[in-house]
Amino acid sequence: MERKHAYSIEELVKNGPEGRTNIYKAIKEGRLIARKAGRRTVVLVEDYDAYLKALPIVDRKAERAA
């Protein structure tokens, strides 16, 4: 099986935890690196992994207290 090197925005929306609006917002804010391949916007696998790893960690204690 061939390994993917990049995702389209559609693939991120379909398979990831974020919606289209949040993905484009993260790109605009510089939290997610995107590249252009012709007219298509793509995100490299390693850039998406770094973005996900940078998301806040859930504080389980705070959740239980609420």
PDB file of N, CA and C in Angstrom:
ATOM      1  N   MET A   1       0.833  -1.182   0.000  1.00  0.00           N
ATOM      2  CA  MET A   1       0.000   0.000   0.000  1.00  0.00           C
ATOM      3  C   MET A   1       0.881   1.250   0.000  1.00  0.00           C
ATOM      4  N   GLU A   2       0.521   2.185  -0.811  1.00  0.00           N
ATOM      5  CA  GLU A   2       1.290   3.411  -0.927  1.00  0.00           C
ATOM      6  C   GLU A   2       0.963   4.376   0.207  1.00  0.00           C
ATOM      7  N   ARG A   3       1.990   4.973   0.779  1.00  0.00           N
ATOM      8  CA  ARG A   3       1.812   5.921   1.873  1.00  0.00           C
ATOM      9  C   ARG A   3       1.472   7.295   1.315  1.00  0.00           C
ATOM     10  N   LYS A   4       0.476   7.968   1.927  1.00  0.00           N
ATOM     11  CA  LYS A   4       0.112   9.316   1.500  1.00  0.00           C
ATOM     12  C   LYS A   4       1.153  10.306   2.008  1.00  0.00           C
ATOM     13  N   HIS A   5       1.413  11.321   1.209  1.00  0.00           N
ATOM     14  CA  HIS A   5       2.349  12.370   1.610  1.00  0.00           C
ATOM     15  C   HIS A   5       1.632  13.657   1.966  1.00  0.00           C
ATOM     16  N   ALA A   6       0.400  13.812   1.474  1.00  0.00           N
ATOM     17  CA  ALA A   6      -0.361  15.041   1.727  1.00  0.00           C
ATOM     18  C   ALA A   6      -1.852  14.739   1.675  1.00  0.00           C
ATOM     19  N   TYR A   7      -2.613  15.607   2.335  1.00  0.00           N
ATOM     20  CA  TYR A   7      -4.069  15.522   2.342  1.00  0.00           C
ATOM     21  C   TYR A   7      -4.660  16.762   1.688  1.00  0.00           C
ATOM     22  N   SER A   8      -5.758  16.581   1.003  1.00  0.00           N
ATOM     23  CA  SER A   8      -6.529  17.732   0.539  1.00  0.00           C
ATOM     24  C   SER A   8      -7.372  18.210   1.716  1.00  0.00           C
ATOM     25  N   ILE A   9      -7.905  19.400   1.619  1.00  0.00           N
ATOM     26  CA  ILE A   9      -8.784  19.917   2.666  1.00  0.00           C
ATOM     27  C   ILE A   9      -9.995  18.998   2.806  1.00  0.00           C
ATOM     28  N   GLU A  10     -10.513  18.524   1.695  1.00  0.00           N
ATOM     29  CA  GLU A  10     -11.668  17.613   1.734  1.00  0.00           C
ATOM     30  C   GLU A  10     -11.364  16.355   2.534  1.00  0.00           C
ATOM     31  N   GLU A  11     -10.166  15.790   2.341  1.00  0.00           N
ATOM     32  CA  GLU A  11      -9.787  14.590   3.087  1.00  0.00           C
ATOM     33  C   GLU A  11      -9.680  14.874   4.582  1.00  0.00           C
ATOM     34  N   LEU A  12      -9.148  16.031   4.932  1.00  0.00           N
ATOM     35  CA  LEU A  12      -9.045  16.390   6.348  1.00  0.00           C
ATOM     36  C   LEU A  12     -10.428  16.527   6.975  1.00  0.00           C
ATOM     37  N   VAL A  13     -11.335  17.157   6.255  1.00  0.00           N
ATOM     38  CA  VAL A  13     -12.700  17.344   6.765  1.00  0.00           C
ATOM     39  C   VAL A  13     -13.387  15.989   6.919  1.00  0.00           C
ATOM     40  N   LYS A  14     -13.228  15.127   5.934  1.00  0.00           N
ATOM     41  CA  LYS A  14     -13.906  13.831   5.931  1.00  0.00           C
ATOM     42  C   LYS A  14     -13.369  12.894   7.012  1.00  0.00           C
ATOM     43  N   ASN A  15     -12.059  12.904   7.237  1.00  0.00           N
ATOM     44  CA  ASN A  15     -11.432  11.906   8.106  1.00  0.00           C
ATOM     45  C   ASN A  15     -10.911  12.429   9.437  1.00  0.00           C
ATOM     46  N   GLY A  16     -10.862  13.739   9.602  1.00  0.00           N
ATOM     47  CA  GLY A  16     -10.264  14.286  10.811  1.00  0.00           C
ATOM     48  C   GLY A  16     -11.276  14.810  11.804  1.00  0.00           C
ATOM     49  N   PRO A  17     -10.778  15.313  12.918  1.00  0.00           N
ATOM     50  CA  PRO A  17     -11.663  15.802  13.974  1.00  0.00           C
ATOM     51  C   PRO A  17     -12.159  17.232  13.768  1.00  0.00           C
ATOM     52  N   GLU A  18     -11.649  17.926  12.777  1.00  0.00           N
ATOM     53  CA  GLU A  18     -11.980  19.335  12.571  1.00  0.00           C
ATOM     54  C   GLU A  18     -12.859  19.513  11.333  1.00  0.00           C
ATOM     55  N   GLY A  19     -13.677  20.547  11.363  1.00  0.00           N
ATOM     56  CA  GLY A  19     -14.487  20.908  10.212  1.00  0.00           C
ATOM     57  C   GLY A  19     -13.752  21.874   9.308  1.00  0.00           C
ATOM     58  N   ARG A  20     -14.327  22.147   8.165  1.00  0.00           N
ATOM     59  CA  ARG A  20     -13.720  23.015   7.159  1.00  0.00           C
ATOM     60  C   ARG A  20     -13.374  24.401   7.715  1.00  0.00           C
ATOM     61  N   THR A  21     -14.301  24.999   8.448  1.00  0.00           N
ATOM     62  CA  THR A  21     -14.079  26.344   8.978  1.00  0.00           C
ATOM     63  C   THR A  21     -12.874  26.375   9.912  1.00  0.00           C
ATOM     64  N   ASN A  22     -12.778  25.402  10.811  1.00  0.00           N
ATOM     65  CA  ASN A  22     -11.651  25.363  11.748  1.00  0.00           C
ATOM     66  C   ASN A  22     -10.329  25.085  11.045  1.00  0.00           C
ATOM     67  N   ILE A  23     -10.354  24.275  10.007  1.00  0.00           N
ATOM     68  CA  ILE A  23      -9.123  24.001   9.258  1.00  0.00           C
ATOM     69  C   ILE A  23      -8.629  25.277   8.584  1.00  0.00           C
ATOM     70  N   TYR A  24      -9.519  25.982   7.882  1.00  0.00           N
ATOM     71  CA  TYR A  24      -9.099  27.219   7.215  1.00  0.00           C
ATOM     72  C   TYR A  24      -8.693  28.291   8.226  1.00  0.00           C
ATOM     73  N   LYS A  25      -9.341  28.319   9.387  1.00  0.00           N
ATOM     74  CA  LYS A  25      -8.965  29.273  10.436  1.00  0.00           C
ATOM     75  C   LYS A  25      -7.556  28.961  10.946  1.00  0.00           C
ATOM     76  N   ALA A  26      -7.257  27.681  11.166  1.00  0.00           N
ATOM     77  CA  ALA A  26      -5.929  27.279  11.625  1.00  0.00           C
ATOM     78  C   ALA A  26      -4.861  27.635  10.592  1.00  0.00           C
ATOM     79  N   ILE A  27      -5.177  27.485   9.314  1.00  0.00           N
ATOM     80  CA  ILE A  27      -4.241  27.855   8.250  1.00  0.00           C
ATOM     81  C   ILE A  27      -4.015  29.367   8.278  1.00  0.00           C
ATOM     82  N   LYS A  28      -5.086  30.129   8.362  1.00  0.00           N
ATOM     83  CA  LYS A  28      -4.989  31.600   8.372  1.00  0.00           C
ATOM     84  C   LYS A  28      -4.169  32.090   9.563  1.00  0.00           C
ATOM     85  N   GLU A  29      -4.342  31.449  10.721  1.00  0.00           N
ATOM     86  CA  GLU A  29      -3.636  31.843  11.940  1.00  0.00           C
ATOM     87  C   GLU A  29      -2.204  31.308  11.986  1.00  0.00           C
ATOM     88  N   GLY A  30      -1.832  30.470  11.022  1.00  0.00           N
ATOM     89  CA  GLY A  30      -0.477  29.936  10.975  1.00  0.00           C
ATOM     90  C   GLY A  30      -0.256  28.729  11.871  1.00  0.00           C
ATOM     91  N   ARG A  31      -1.316  28.170  12.424  1.00  0.00           N
ATOM     92  CA  ARG A  31      -1.185  26.989  13.277  1.00  0.00           C
ATOM     93  C   ARG A  31      -1.111  25.707  12.461  1.00  0.00           C
ATOM     94  N   LEU A  32      -1.579  25.758  11.224  1.00  0.00           N
ATOM     95  CA  LEU A  32      -1.532  24.616  10.304  1.00  0.00           C
ATOM     96  C   LEU A  32      -0.921  25.105   8.996  1.00  0.00           C
ATOM     97  N   ILE A  33       0.138  24.436   8.574  1.00  0.00           N
ATOM     98  CA  ILE A  33       0.834  24.828   7.341  1.00  0.00           C
ATOM     99  C   ILE A  33       0.159  24.160   6.156  1.00  0.00           C
ATOM    100  N   ALA A  34      -0.222  24.958   5.180  1.00  0.00           N
ATOM    101  CA  ALA A  34      -0.832  24.453   3.947  1.00  0.00           C
ATOM    102  C   ALA A  34       0.009  24.900   2.761  1.00  0.00           C
ATOM    103  N   ARG A  35      -0.094  24.163   1.684  1.00  0.00           N
ATOM    104  CA  ARG A  35       0.650  24.466   0.454  1.00  0.00           C
ATOM    105  C   ARG A  35      -0.315  24.417  -0.724  1.00  0.00           C
ATOM    106  N   LYS A  36       0.085  25.039  -1.805  1.00  0.00           N
ATOM    107  CA  LYS A  36      -0.735  25.039  -3.019  1.00  0.00           C
ATOM    108  C   LYS A  36      -0.109  24.114  -4.051  1.00  0.00           C
ATOM    109  N   ALA A  37      -0.929  23.245  -4.612  1.00  0.00           N
ATOM    110  CA  ALA A  37      -0.546  22.387  -5.725  1.00  0.00           C
ATOM    111  C   ALA A  37      -1.490  22.766  -6.858  1.00  0.00           C
ATOM    112  N   GLY A  38      -1.070  23.717  -7.656  1.00  0.00           N
ATOM    113  CA  GLY A  38      -1.976  24.287  -8.646  1.00  0.00           C
ATOM    114  C   GLY A  38      -3.036  25.084  -7.908  1.00  0.00           C
ATOM    115  N   ARG A  39      -4.289  24.764  -8.142  1.00  0.00           N
ATOM    116  CA  ARG A  39      -5.388  25.443  -7.437  1.00  0.00           C
ATOM    117  C   ARG A  39      -5.748  24.743  -6.131  1.00  0.00           C
ATOM    118  N   ARG A  40      -5.246  23.556  -5.964  1.00  0.00           N
ATOM    119  CA  ARG A  40      -5.614  22.740  -4.805  1.00  0.00           C
ATOM    120  C   ARG A  40      -4.753  23.088  -3.588  1.00  0.00           C
ATOM    121  N   THR A  41      -5.386  23.176  -2.422  1.00  0.00           N
ATOM    122  CA  THR A  41      -4.685  23.380  -1.165  1.00  0.00           C
ATOM    123  C   THR A  41      -4.442  22.016  -0.541  1.00  0.00           C
ATOM    124  N   VAL A  42      -3.193  21.749  -0.165  1.00  0.00           N
ATOM    125  CA  VAL A  42      -2.844  20.475   0.444  1.00  0.00           C
ATOM    126  C   VAL A  42      -2.086  20.715   1.745  1.00  0.00           C
ATOM    127  N   VAL A  43      -2.163  19.735   2.626  1.00  0.00           N
ATOM    128  CA  VAL A  43      -1.449  19.773   3.897  1.00  0.00           C
ATOM    129  C   VAL A  43      -0.610  18.508   3.974  1.00  0.00           C
ATOM    130  N   LEU A  44       0.693  18.674   4.172  1.00  0.00           N
ATOM    131  CA  LEU A  44       1.569  17.518   4.287  1.00  0.00           C
ATOM    132  C   LEU A  44       1.223  16.719   5.538  1.00  0.00           C
ATOM    133  N   VAL A  45       1.404  15.417   5.468  1.00  0.00           N
ATOM    134  CA  VAL A  45       1.081  14.527   6.580  1.00  0.00           C
ATOM    135  C   VAL A  45       1.803  14.981   7.846  1.00  0.00           C
ATOM    136  N   GLU A  46       3.084  15.288   7.746  1.00  0.00           N
ATOM    137  CA  GLU A  46       3.843  15.676   8.943  1.00  0.00           C
ATOM    138  C   GLU A  46       3.371  17.017   9.512  1.00  0.00           C
ATOM    139  N   ASP A  47       2.909  17.936   8.655  1.00  0.00           N
ATOM    140  CA  ASP A  47       2.379  19.212   9.147  1.00  0.00           C
ATOM    141  C   ASP A  47       1.051  19.006   9.864  1.00  0.00           C
ATOM    142  N   TYR A  48       0.217  18.106   9.356  1.00  0.00           N
ATOM    143  CA  TYR A  48      -1.057  17.823  10.012  1.00  0.00           C
ATOM    144  C   TYR A  48      -0.824  17.115  11.347  1.00  0.00           C
ATOM    145  N   ASP A  49       0.125  16.181  11.379  1.00  0.00           N
ATOM    146  CA  ASP A  49       0.453  15.506  12.632  1.00  0.00           C
ATOM    147  C   ASP A  49       0.937  16.511  13.679  1.00  0.00           C
ATOM    148  N   ALA A  50       1.791  17.453  13.277  1.00  0.00           N
ATOM    149  CA  ALA A  50       2.298  18.472  14.200  1.00  0.00           C
ATOM    150  C   ALA A  50       1.160  19.348  14.707  1.00  0.00           C
ATOM    151  N   TYR A  51       0.223  19.703  13.833  1.00  0.00           N
ATOM    152  CA  TYR A  51      -0.940  20.498  14.226  1.00  0.00           C
ATOM    153  C   TYR A  51      -1.768  19.760  15.273  1.00  0.00           C
ATOM    154  N   LEU A  52      -2.044  18.481  15.035  1.00  0.00           N
ATOM    155  CA  LEU A  52      -2.831  17.697  15.990  1.00  0.00           C
ATOM    156  C   LEU A  52      -2.115  17.558  17.330  1.00  0.00           C
ATOM    157  N   LYS A  53      -0.808  17.342  17.295  1.00  0.00           N
ATOM    158  CA  LYS A  53      -0.038  17.203  18.533  1.00  0.00           C
ATOM    159  C   LYS A  53       0.007  18.505  19.326  1.00  0.00           C
ATOM    160  N   ALA A  54      -0.151  19.636  18.656  1.00  0.00           N
ATOM    161  CA  ALA A  54      -0.116  20.947  19.327  1.00  0.00           C
ATOM    162  C   ALA A  54      -1.467  21.345  19.924  1.00  0.00           C
ATOM    163  N   LEU A  55      -2.527  20.574  19.631  1.00  0.00           N
ATOM    164  CA  LEU A  55      -3.833  20.896  20.210  1.00  0.00           C
ATOM    165  C   LEU A  55      -3.768  20.738  21.723  1.00  0.00           C
ATOM    166  N   PRO A  56      -4.592  21.488  22.447  1.00  0.00           N
ATOM    167  CA  PRO A  56      -4.555  21.411  23.907  1.00  0.00           C
ATOM    168  C   PRO A  56      -4.891  20.007  24.415  1.00  0.00           C
ATOM    169  N   ILE A  57      -4.229  19.638  25.500  1.00  0.00           N
ATOM    170  CA  ILE A  57      -4.490  18.356  26.146  1.00  0.00           C
ATOM    171  C   ILE A  57      -5.681  18.538  27.086  1.00  0.00           C
ATOM    172  N   VAL A  58      -6.568  17.579  27.071  1.00  0.00           N
ATOM    173  CA  VAL A  58      -7.764  17.641  27.902  1.00  0.00           C
ATOM    174  C   VAL A  58      -7.370  17.434  29.367  1.00  0.00           C
ATOM    175  N   ASP A  59      -7.857  18.311  30.218  1.00  0.00           N
ATOM    176  CA  ASP A  59      -7.620  18.207  31.654  1.00  0.00           C
ATOM    177  C   ASP A  59      -8.783  17.435  32.262  1.00  0.00           C
ATOM    178  N   ARG A  60      -8.580  16.161  32.510  1.00  0.00           N
ATOM    179  CA  ARG A  60      -9.638  15.283  33.010  1.00  0.00           C
ATOM    180  C   ARG A  60     -10.164  15.737  34.373  1.00  0.00           C
ATOM    181  N   LYS A  61      -9.296  16.257  35.214  1.00  0.00           N
ATOM    182  CA  LYS A  61      -9.716  16.712  36.544  1.00  0.00           C
ATOM    183  C   LYS A  61     -10.694  17.879  36.429  1.00  0.00           C
ATOM    184  N   ALA A  62     -10.415  18.799  35.522  1.00  0.00           N
ATOM    185  CA  ALA A  62     -11.281  19.957  35.334  1.00  0.00           C
ATOM    186  C   ALA A  62     -12.620  19.524  34.762  1.00  0.00           C
ATOM    187  N   GLU A  63     -12.621  18.518  33.889  1.00  0.00           N
ATOM    188  CA  GLU A  63     -13.861  18.015  33.309  1.00  0.00           C
ATOM    189  C   GLU A  63     -14.760  17.402  34.386  1.00  0.00           C
ATOM    190  N   ARG A  64     -14.165  16.639  35.295  1.00  0.00           N
ATOM    191  CA  ARG A  64     -14.936  15.988  36.349  1.00  0.00           C
ATOM    192  C   ARG A  64     -15.509  16.995  37.341  1.00  0.00           C
ATOM    193  N   ALA A  65     -14.779  18.098  37.571  1.00  0.00           N
ATOM    194  CA  ALA A  65     -15.226  19.116  38.521  1.00  0.00           C
ATOM    195  C   ALA A  65     -16.394  19.932  37.982  1.00  0.00           C
ATOM    196  N   ALA A  66     -16.521  19.974  36.671  1.00  0.00           N
ATOM    197  CA  ALA A  66     -17.574  20.813  36.055  1.00  0.00           C
ATOM    198  C   ALA A  66     -18.932  20.197  36.120  1.00  0.00           C
TER     199      ALA A  66
END
